[in-house]
């Protein structure tokens, strides 16, 4: 690949990232993007985060909104799993479904609380780990501590990495 071609790709990428379409909803759009991407919908937050940082948005505001959206999505995943258990138990009365407590996520069983911490780094599967924590009815306060810690550290690394890149 030639140097000129790389430069052309770089300029095209800059045009895409600085496009007003990404910045139209600004910080609110970033919150929705991070919330949805934290609930097993594979939406990359890095593109919008990059666009906002290139557009001159405050780095601390971007990091806080990204973290809050991601944490809210993680808590939503927990309650999806927690409430899903009740739904399956109600369905069990009418069918021969096994108790949901017997079906665990193997990663969650193997790695325990560290799986909750690192769930922020694993696309889609990490969201399913958080849902499994709700299904298993893991202690909510401990869940929040591990999940929030993982999501905040990931957010800091991603935002600082993007700032250094651009």
C-alpha atoms as a PDB file:
ATOM      1  CA  UNK A   1       0.000   0.000   0.000  1.00  0.00           C
ATOM      2  CA  UNK A   2       1.481   3.315  -1.009  1.00  0.00           C
ATOM      3  CA  UNK A   3       1.984   6.327   1.196  1.00  0.00           C
ATOM      4  CA  UNK A   4      -0.319   8.452  -0.984  1.00  0.00           C
ATOM      5  CA  UNK A   5      -3.132   5.916  -0.618  1.00  0.00           C
ATOM      6  CA  UNK A   6      -2.732   5.902   3.158  1.00  0.00           C
ATOM      7  CA  UNK A   7      -2.881   9.699   3.210  1.00  0.00           C
ATOM      8  CA  UNK A   8      -6.036   9.602   1.068  1.00  0.00           C
ATOM      9  CA  UNK A   9      -7.696   7.112   3.449  1.00  0.00           C
ATOM     10  CA  UNK A  10      -6.664   9.268   6.387  1.00  0.00           C
ATOM     11  CA  UNK A  11      -8.256  12.369   4.829  1.00  0.00           C
ATOM     12  CA  UNK A  12     -11.438  10.462   4.017  1.00  0.00           C
ATOM     13  CA  UNK A  13     -11.613   9.186   7.592  1.00  0.00           C
ATOM     14  CA  UNK A  14     -11.191  12.716   8.920  1.00  0.00           C
ATOM     15  CA  UNK A  15     -14.030  13.929   6.678  1.00  0.00           C
ATOM     16  CA  UNK A  16     -16.312  11.164   7.949  1.00  0.00           C
ATOM     17  CA  UNK A  17     -15.463  11.747  11.608  1.00  0.00           C
ATOM     18  CA  UNK A  18     -15.831  15.506  11.392  1.00  0.00           C
ATOM     19  CA  UNK A  19     -19.131  15.264   9.508  1.00  0.00           C
ATOM     20  CA  UNK A  20     -21.972  17.204  11.148  1.00  0.00           C
ATOM     21  CA  UNK A  21     -24.246  14.152  10.986  1.00  0.00           C
ATOM     22  CA  UNK A  22     -22.327  12.591  13.886  1.00  0.00           C
ATOM     23  CA  UNK A  23     -22.330  15.841  15.852  1.00  0.00           C
ATOM     24  CA  UNK A  24     -25.944  16.781  15.168  1.00  0.00           C
ATOM     25  CA  UNK A  25     -27.201  15.389  18.481  1.00  0.00           C
ATOM     26  CA  UNK A  26     -23.952  16.087  20.303  1.00  0.00           C
ATOM     27  CA  UNK A  27     -23.643  14.955  23.878  1.00  0.00           C
ATOM     28  CA  UNK A  28     -27.222  13.658  24.022  1.00  0.00           C
ATOM     29  CA  UNK A  29     -26.488  11.495  20.975  1.00  0.00           C
ATOM     30  CA  UNK A  30     -23.358  10.181  22.684  1.00  0.00           C
ATOM     31  CA  UNK A  31     -25.390   9.254  25.771  1.00  0.00           C
ATOM     32  CA  UNK A  32     -27.938   7.338  23.659  1.00  0.00           C
ATOM     33  CA  UNK A  33     -25.155   5.704  21.642  1.00  0.00           C
ATOM     34  CA  UNK A  34     -23.332   4.500  24.757  1.00  0.00           C
ATOM     35  CA  UNK A  35     -26.567   3.384  26.430  1.00  0.00           C
ATOM     36  CA  UNK A  36     -27.636   1.329  23.419  1.00  0.00           C
ATOM     37  CA  UNK A  37     -24.160  -0.101  22.827  1.00  0.00           C
ATOM     38  CA  UNK A  38     -24.153  -1.295  26.446  1.00  0.00           C
ATOM     39  CA  UNK A  39     -27.331  -3.306  25.942  1.00  0.00           C
ATOM     40  CA  UNK A  40     -26.125  -5.939  23.452  1.00  0.00           C
ATOM     41  CA  UNK A  41     -26.701  -3.732  20.385  1.00  0.00           C
ATOM     42  CA  UNK A  42     -23.366  -3.593  18.564  1.00  0.00           C
ATOM     43  CA  UNK A  43     -23.018   0.171  18.059  1.00  0.00           C
ATOM     44  CA  UNK A  44     -19.468   1.511  18.262  1.00  0.00           C
ATOM     45  CA  UNK A  45     -19.208   4.550  20.531  1.00  0.00           C
ATOM     46  CA  UNK A  46     -15.693   5.382  19.393  1.00  0.00           C
ATOM     47  CA  UNK A  47     -16.841   6.989  16.138  1.00  0.00           C
ATOM     48  CA  UNK A  48     -19.158   9.504  17.784  1.00  0.00           C
ATOM     49  CA  UNK A  49     -16.677  10.070  20.614  1.00  0.00           C
ATOM     50  CA  UNK A  50     -13.976  10.835  18.050  1.00  0.00           C
ATOM     51  CA  UNK A  51     -16.269  13.176  16.141  1.00  0.00           C
ATOM     52  CA  UNK A  52     -17.135  15.116  19.280  1.00  0.00           C
ATOM     53  CA  UNK A  53     -13.512  15.386  20.354  1.00  0.00           C
ATOM     54  CA  UNK A  54     -12.439  16.510  16.878  1.00  0.00           C
ATOM     55  CA  UNK A  55     -15.299  19.016  16.956  1.00  0.00           C
ATOM     56  CA  UNK A  56     -13.824  20.569  20.084  1.00  0.00           C
ATOM     57  CA  UNK A  57     -16.204  19.195  22.710  1.00  0.00           C
ATOM     58  CA  UNK A  58     -14.942  19.250  26.307  1.00  0.00           C
ATOM     59  CA  UNK A  59     -12.990  16.044  27.011  1.00  0.00           C
ATOM     60  CA  UNK A  60     -14.346  15.742  30.566  1.00  0.00           C
ATOM     61  CA  UNK A  61     -17.952  16.168  29.435  1.00  0.00           C
ATOM     62  CA  UNK A  62     -17.475  13.538  26.724  1.00  0.00           C
ATOM     63  CA  UNK A  63     -15.926  11.105  29.226  1.00  0.00           C
ATOM     64  CA  UNK A  64     -18.639  11.653  31.841  1.00  0.00           C
ATOM     65  CA  UNK A  65     -21.501  11.257  29.358  1.00  0.00           C
ATOM     66  CA  UNK A  66     -19.892   8.184  27.805  1.00  0.00           C
ATOM     67  CA  UNK A  67     -19.414   6.590  31.241  1.00  0.00           C
ATOM     68  CA  UNK A  68     -22.913   7.463  32.490  1.00  0.00           C
ATOM     69  CA  UNK A  69     -24.564   6.041  29.367  1.00  0.00           C
ATOM     70  CA  UNK A  70     -22.465   2.892  29.543  1.00  0.00           C
ATOM     71  CA  UNK A  71     -23.129   2.404  33.264  1.00  0.00           C
ATOM     72  CA  UNK A  72     -26.856   2.975  32.786  1.00  0.00           C
ATOM     73  CA  UNK A  73     -26.858   0.330  30.056  1.00  0.00           C
ATOM     74  CA  UNK A  74     -24.988  -2.101  32.329  1.00  0.00           C
ATOM     75  CA  UNK A  75     -27.510  -1.624  35.129  1.00  0.00           C
ATOM     76  CA  UNK A  76     -30.321  -2.063  32.618  1.00  0.00           C
ATOM     77  CA  UNK A  77     -28.728  -5.373  31.557  1.00  0.00           C
ATOM     78  CA  UNK A  78     -28.692  -6.552  35.176  1.00  0.00           C
ATOM     79  CA  UNK A  79     -32.392  -5.810  35.576  1.00  0.00           C
ATOM     80  CA  UNK A  80     -33.209  -7.416  32.223  1.00  0.00           C
ATOM     81  CA  UNK A  81     -31.646 -10.617  33.581  1.00  0.00           C
ATOM     82  CA  UNK A  82     -33.234 -10.194  36.996  1.00  0.00           C
ATOM     83  CA  UNK A  83     -36.715  -9.605  35.558  1.00  0.00           C
ATOM     84  CA  UNK A  84     -36.260 -12.240  32.876  1.00  0.00           C
ATOM     85  CA  UNK A  85     -35.952 -14.858  35.611  1.00  0.00           C
ATOM     86  CA  UNK A  86     -39.406 -13.977  36.911  1.00  0.00           C
ATOM     87  CA  UNK A  87     -40.838 -14.230  33.403  1.00  0.00           C
ATOM     88  CA  UNK A  88     -39.313 -17.689  32.871  1.00  0.00           C
ATOM     89  CA  UNK A  89     -40.619 -18.877  36.253  1.00  0.00           C
ATOM     90  CA  UNK A  90     -44.128 -17.743  35.269  1.00  0.00           C
ATOM     91  CA  UNK A  91     -43.774 -19.558  31.936  1.00  0.00           C
ATOM     92  CA  UNK A  92     -42.538 -22.692  33.749  1.00  0.00           C
ATOM     93  CA  UNK A  93     -45.988 -23.201  35.197  1.00  0.00           C
ATOM     94  CA  UNK A  94     -47.294 -23.758  31.658  1.00  0.00           C
ATOM     95  CA  UNK A  95     -44.327 -25.590  30.111  1.00  0.00           C
ATOM     96  CA  UNK A  96     -41.401 -27.819  31.062  1.00  0.00           C
ATOM     97  CA  UNK A  97     -38.703 -25.128  31.175  1.00  0.00           C
ATOM     98  CA  UNK A  98     -35.799 -25.732  33.548  1.00  0.00           C
ATOM     99  CA  UNK A  99     -35.337 -23.315  36.403  1.00  0.00           C
ATOM    100  CA  UNK A 100     -33.305 -20.373  35.157  1.00  0.00           C
ATOM    101  CA  UNK A 101     -30.929 -20.584  38.132  1.00  0.00           C
ATOM    102  CA  UNK A 102     -29.441 -23.771  36.639  1.00  0.00           C
ATOM    103  CA  UNK A 103     -28.436 -22.072  33.370  1.00  0.00           C
ATOM    104  CA  UNK A 104     -25.454 -19.841  34.026  1.00  0.00           C
ATOM    105  CA  UNK A 105     -23.052 -18.075  31.785  1.00  0.00           C
ATOM    106  CA  UNK A 106     -19.876 -20.187  31.830  1.00  0.00           C
ATOM    107  CA  UNK A 107     -17.630 -17.117  31.864  1.00  0.00           C
ATOM    108  CA  UNK A 108     -19.451 -15.728  34.875  1.00  0.00           C
ATOM    109  CA  UNK A 109     -19.161 -19.033  36.717  1.00  0.00           C
ATOM    110  CA  UNK A 110     -15.487 -19.417  35.876  1.00  0.00           C
ATOM    111  CA  UNK A 111     -14.250 -15.894  36.542  1.00  0.00           C
ATOM    112  CA  UNK A 112     -16.833 -14.583  39.005  1.00  0.00           C
ATOM    113  CA  UNK A 113     -16.666 -10.893  39.865  1.00  0.00           C
ATOM    114  CA  UNK A 114     -13.699 -10.252  37.584  1.00  0.00           C
ATOM    115  CA  UNK A 115     -15.961 -11.204  34.649  1.00  0.00           C
ATOM    116  CA  UNK A 116     -18.257  -8.347  35.690  1.00  0.00           C
ATOM    117  CA  UNK A 117     -15.283  -5.955  35.762  1.00  0.00           C
ATOM    118  CA  UNK A 118     -13.972  -6.996  32.331  1.00  0.00           C
ATOM    119  CA  UNK A 119     -17.445  -7.226  30.742  1.00  0.00           C
ATOM    120  CA  UNK A 120     -17.032  -3.604  29.619  1.00  0.00           C
ATOM    121  CA  UNK A 121     -14.176  -4.685  27.344  1.00  0.00           C
ATOM    122  CA  UNK A 122     -15.938  -7.603  25.647  1.00  0.00           C
ATOM    123  CA  UNK A 123     -18.423  -6.593  22.943  1.00  0.00           C
ATOM    124  CA  UNK A 124     -21.854  -8.290  23.090  1.00  0.00           C
ATOM    125  CA  UNK A 125     -20.648 -11.195  25.266  1.00  0.00           C
ATOM    126  CA  UNK A 126     -19.836  -8.713  28.030  1.00  0.00           C
ATOM    127  CA  UNK A 127     -23.420  -7.466  27.902  1.00  0.00           C
ATOM    128  CA  UNK A 128     -24.658 -11.045  28.165  1.00  0.00           C
ATOM    129  CA  UNK A 129     -22.413 -11.553  31.210  1.00  0.00           C
ATOM    130  CA  UNK A 130     -24.134  -8.596  32.887  1.00  0.00           C
ATOM    131  CA  UNK A 131     -27.539 -10.054  32.029  1.00  0.00           C
ATOM    132  CA  UNK A 132     -26.389 -13.387  33.509  1.00  0.00           C
ATOM    133  CA  UNK A 133     -25.455 -11.590  36.724  1.00  0.00           C
ATOM    134  CA  UNK A 134     -29.074 -10.467  36.985  1.00  0.00           C
ATOM    135  CA  UNK A 135     -30.346 -13.961  36.225  1.00  0.00           C
ATOM    136  CA  UNK A 136     -28.114 -15.355  38.985  1.00  0.00           C
ATOM    137  CA  UNK A 137     -29.316 -12.569  41.305  1.00  0.00           C
ATOM    138  CA  UNK A 138     -25.784 -11.585  42.235  1.00  0.00           C
ATOM    139  CA  UNK A 139     -25.524  -9.008  45.011  1.00  0.00           C
ATOM    140  CA  UNK A 140     -26.487  -5.716  43.354  1.00  0.00           C
ATOM    141  CA  UNK A 141     -24.181  -3.388  45.297  1.00  0.00           C
ATOM    142  CA  UNK A 142     -21.141  -5.543  44.593  1.00  0.00           C
ATOM    143  CA  UNK A 143     -22.249  -5.863  40.964  1.00  0.00           C
ATOM    144  CA  UNK A 144     -22.451  -2.070  40.649  1.00  0.00           C
ATOM    145  CA  UNK A 145     -18.985  -1.586  42.176  1.00  0.00           C
ATOM    146  CA  UNK A 146     -17.294  -4.042  39.766  1.00  0.00           C
ATOM    147  CA  UNK A 147     -19.289  -2.999  36.713  1.00  0.00           C
ATOM    148  CA  UNK A 148     -18.860   0.754  37.294  1.00  0.00           C
ATOM    149  CA  UNK A 149     -15.132   0.328  37.931  1.00  0.00           C
ATOM    150  CA  UNK A 150     -14.665  -1.572  34.676  1.00  0.00           C
ATOM    151  CA  UNK A 151     -16.736   0.857  32.618  1.00  0.00           C
ATOM    152  CA  UNK A 152     -15.028   3.955  34.058  1.00  0.00           C
ATOM    153  CA  UNK A 153     -11.535   2.581  33.440  1.00  0.00           C
ATOM    154  CA  UNK A 154     -12.483   1.615  29.883  1.00  0.00           C
ATOM    155  CA  UNK A 155     -13.976   5.061  29.269  1.00  0.00           C
ATOM    156  CA  UNK A 156     -10.854   6.826  30.539  1.00  0.00           C
ATOM    157  CA  UNK A 157      -8.570   4.704  28.374  1.00  0.00           C
ATOM    158  CA  UNK A 158     -10.748   5.105  25.256  1.00  0.00           C
ATOM    159  CA  UNK A 159     -11.167   8.877  25.608  1.00  0.00           C
ATOM    160  CA  UNK A 160      -7.525   9.516  26.424  1.00  0.00           C
ATOM    161  CA  UNK A 161      -6.456   7.214  23.594  1.00  0.00           C
ATOM    162  CA  UNK A 162      -8.668   9.063  21.124  1.00  0.00           C
ATOM    163  CA  UNK A 163      -7.401  12.434  22.354  1.00  0.00           C
ATOM    164  CA  UNK A 164      -3.825  11.339  21.792  1.00  0.00           C
ATOM    165  CA  UNK A 165      -4.729   9.944  18.369  1.00  0.00           C
ATOM    166  CA  UNK A 166      -6.373  13.143  17.201  1.00  0.00           C
END
